[in-house]
């Protein structure tokens, strides 16, 4: 009986993880530049750590800065929920956990990569 109760408590706590809104920092620029000429591309998995970043195949994190008209949307789920980046029209550009090739340039002011060009699913 104790094992059953322990299993139920664990299962309920895991399910609850997807309903707790994560504390994700969403770094944005001030001038809403969405169409820059990319100086380079970053490729990897979009992760939340604590802000949004691209993690390459070697595990290196590149923190991202997004245009100011973009936003985050969090949708609850059973285990983890889902975090999406939306453009100014409300279209999903990227989802945490998926792989992307993102064009932009180094944002010298805050040490991030400025995601001001195409976001391409990989």
Protein backbone atom coordinates (compact mmCIF):
# COMPACT_ATOMS: atom_id res chain seq x y z
CA UNK A 1 0.00 0.00 0.00
CA UNK A 2 2.83 2.42 0.87
CA UNK A 3 4.48 1.71 -2.47
CA UNK A 4 1.23 2.47 -4.30
CA UNK A 5 0.83 5.77 -2.45
CA UNK A 6 4.47 6.70 -3.14
CA UNK A 7 3.99 5.89 -6.83
CA UNK A 8 0.84 8.02 -7.01
CA UNK A 9 2.53 10.96 -5.29
CA UNK A 10 5.49 10.76 -7.69
CA UNK A 11 3.21 10.50 -10.74
CA UNK A 12 1.12 13.48 -9.65
CA UNK A 13 4.20 15.59 -8.96
CA UNK A 14 5.62 14.81 -12.41
CA UNK A 15 2.34 15.63 -14.11
CA UNK A 16 2.21 18.90 -12.21
CA UNK A 17 5.61 19.95 -13.60
CA UNK A 18 4.04 20.71 -16.97
CA UNK A 19 1.46 23.03 -15.44
CA UNK A 20 3.90 25.28 -13.57
CA UNK A 21 4.85 28.26 -15.75
CA UNK A 22 8.65 28.26 -16.20
CA UNK A 23 10.65 31.40 -15.43
CA UNK A 24 12.24 32.04 -18.84
CA UNK A 25 14.05 35.29 -19.58
CA UNK A 26 13.12 36.63 -23.02
CA UNK A 27 15.81 39.10 -24.12
CA UNK A 28 14.63 41.59 -26.76
CA UNK A 29 16.26 44.41 -28.71
CA UNK A 30 14.99 47.98 -28.50
CA UNK A 31 14.52 48.81 -32.18
CA UNK A 32 12.57 45.74 -33.40
CA UNK A 33 15.00 44.81 -36.19
CA UNK A 34 13.52 41.72 -37.91
CA UNK A 35 15.24 41.85 -41.28
CA UNK A 36 18.98 42.23 -40.85
CA UNK A 37 21.55 40.84 -43.26
CA UNK A 38 22.91 37.89 -41.27
CA UNK A 39 26.62 37.95 -40.55
CA UNK A 40 26.48 34.31 -39.46
CA UNK A 41 24.14 31.51 -38.46
CA UNK A 42 23.79 29.52 -35.25
CA UNK A 43 22.53 25.95 -35.50
CA UNK A 44 21.26 23.72 -32.74
CA UNK A 45 18.46 23.00 -30.32
CA UNK A 46 16.48 25.89 -28.84
CA UNK A 47 16.68 25.63 -25.04
CA UNK A 48 15.53 27.67 -22.05
CA UNK A 49 18.55 28.13 -19.81
CA UNK A 50 17.46 30.59 -18.10
CA UNK A 51 16.94 32.69 -21.23
CA UNK A 52 16.42 31.28 -24.70
CA UNK A 53 19.61 29.97 -26.30
CA UNK A 54 20.79 27.70 -29.09
CA UNK A 55 22.73 24.66 -27.88
CA UNK A 56 25.04 23.29 -30.55
CA UNK A 57 26.09 19.64 -31.02
CA UNK A 58 29.02 20.16 -28.61
CA UNK A 59 26.74 21.49 -25.87
CA UNK A 60 27.85 25.12 -26.24
CA UNK A 61 25.07 27.61 -25.44
CA UNK A 62 24.58 30.78 -27.49
CA UNK A 63 22.15 33.15 -25.71
CA UNK A 64 19.68 34.88 -28.05
CA UNK A 65 18.24 38.39 -28.36
CA UNK A 66 14.94 38.67 -30.29
CA UNK A 67 13.15 41.59 -32.00
CA UNK A 68 11.05 43.63 -29.55
CA UNK A 69 7.75 42.80 -31.31
CA UNK A 70 8.28 39.06 -30.77
CA UNK A 71 6.83 37.33 -27.72
CA UNK A 72 6.83 34.07 -25.77
CA UNK A 73 3.85 31.79 -25.37
CA UNK A 74 3.77 29.06 -22.80
CA UNK A 75 1.26 26.22 -23.11
CA UNK A 76 0.82 23.82 -20.18
CA UNK A 77 1.35 20.12 -20.78
CA UNK A 78 1.45 16.87 -18.86
CA UNK A 79 5.19 16.73 -18.25
CA UNK A 80 6.96 19.84 -19.47
CA UNK A 81 4.59 22.19 -21.26
CA UNK A 82 5.68 24.03 -24.39
CA UNK A 83 7.42 27.37 -24.94
CA UNK A 84 7.01 29.04 -28.34
CA UNK A 85 8.52 32.18 -29.85
CA UNK A 86 5.89 34.16 -31.76
CA UNK A 87 6.47 36.87 -34.34
CA UNK A 88 4.48 40.12 -34.38
CA UNK A 89 1.64 38.42 -36.32
CA UNK A 90 1.34 35.64 -33.72
CA UNK A 91 2.93 32.99 -35.94
CA UNK A 92 5.06 30.39 -34.16
CA UNK A 93 8.68 30.83 -35.29
CA UNK A 94 10.36 28.43 -32.89
CA UNK A 95 9.59 25.96 -30.11
CA UNK A 96 11.91 25.08 -27.24
CA UNK A 97 13.27 21.56 -27.75
CA UNK A 98 13.37 21.75 -31.56
CA UNK A 99 16.41 22.32 -33.81
CA UNK A 100 16.89 25.52 -35.83
CA UNK A 101 19.30 27.44 -38.03
CA UNK A 102 18.99 31.12 -37.03
CA UNK A 103 20.50 34.00 -38.94
CA UNK A 104 21.73 37.15 -37.28
CA UNK A 105 24.79 38.77 -35.77
CA UNK A 106 26.65 39.07 -32.52
CA UNK A 107 24.95 41.61 -30.25
CA UNK A 108 28.01 43.23 -28.71
CA UNK A 109 26.00 45.24 -26.16
CA UNK A 110 24.88 42.23 -24.13
CA UNK A 111 27.01 39.32 -25.34
CA UNK A 112 24.17 37.48 -27.10
CA UNK A 113 23.38 36.49 -30.68
CA UNK A 114 20.86 38.84 -32.30
CA UNK A 115 18.23 36.63 -33.97
CA UNK A 116 17.25 39.27 -36.54
CA UNK A 117 17.01 37.14 -39.70
CA UNK A 118 15.49 33.80 -40.73
CA UNK A 119 14.57 31.08 -38.24
CA UNK A 120 14.78 27.82 -40.20
CA UNK A 121 13.65 24.46 -38.75
CA UNK A 122 16.30 21.73 -39.12
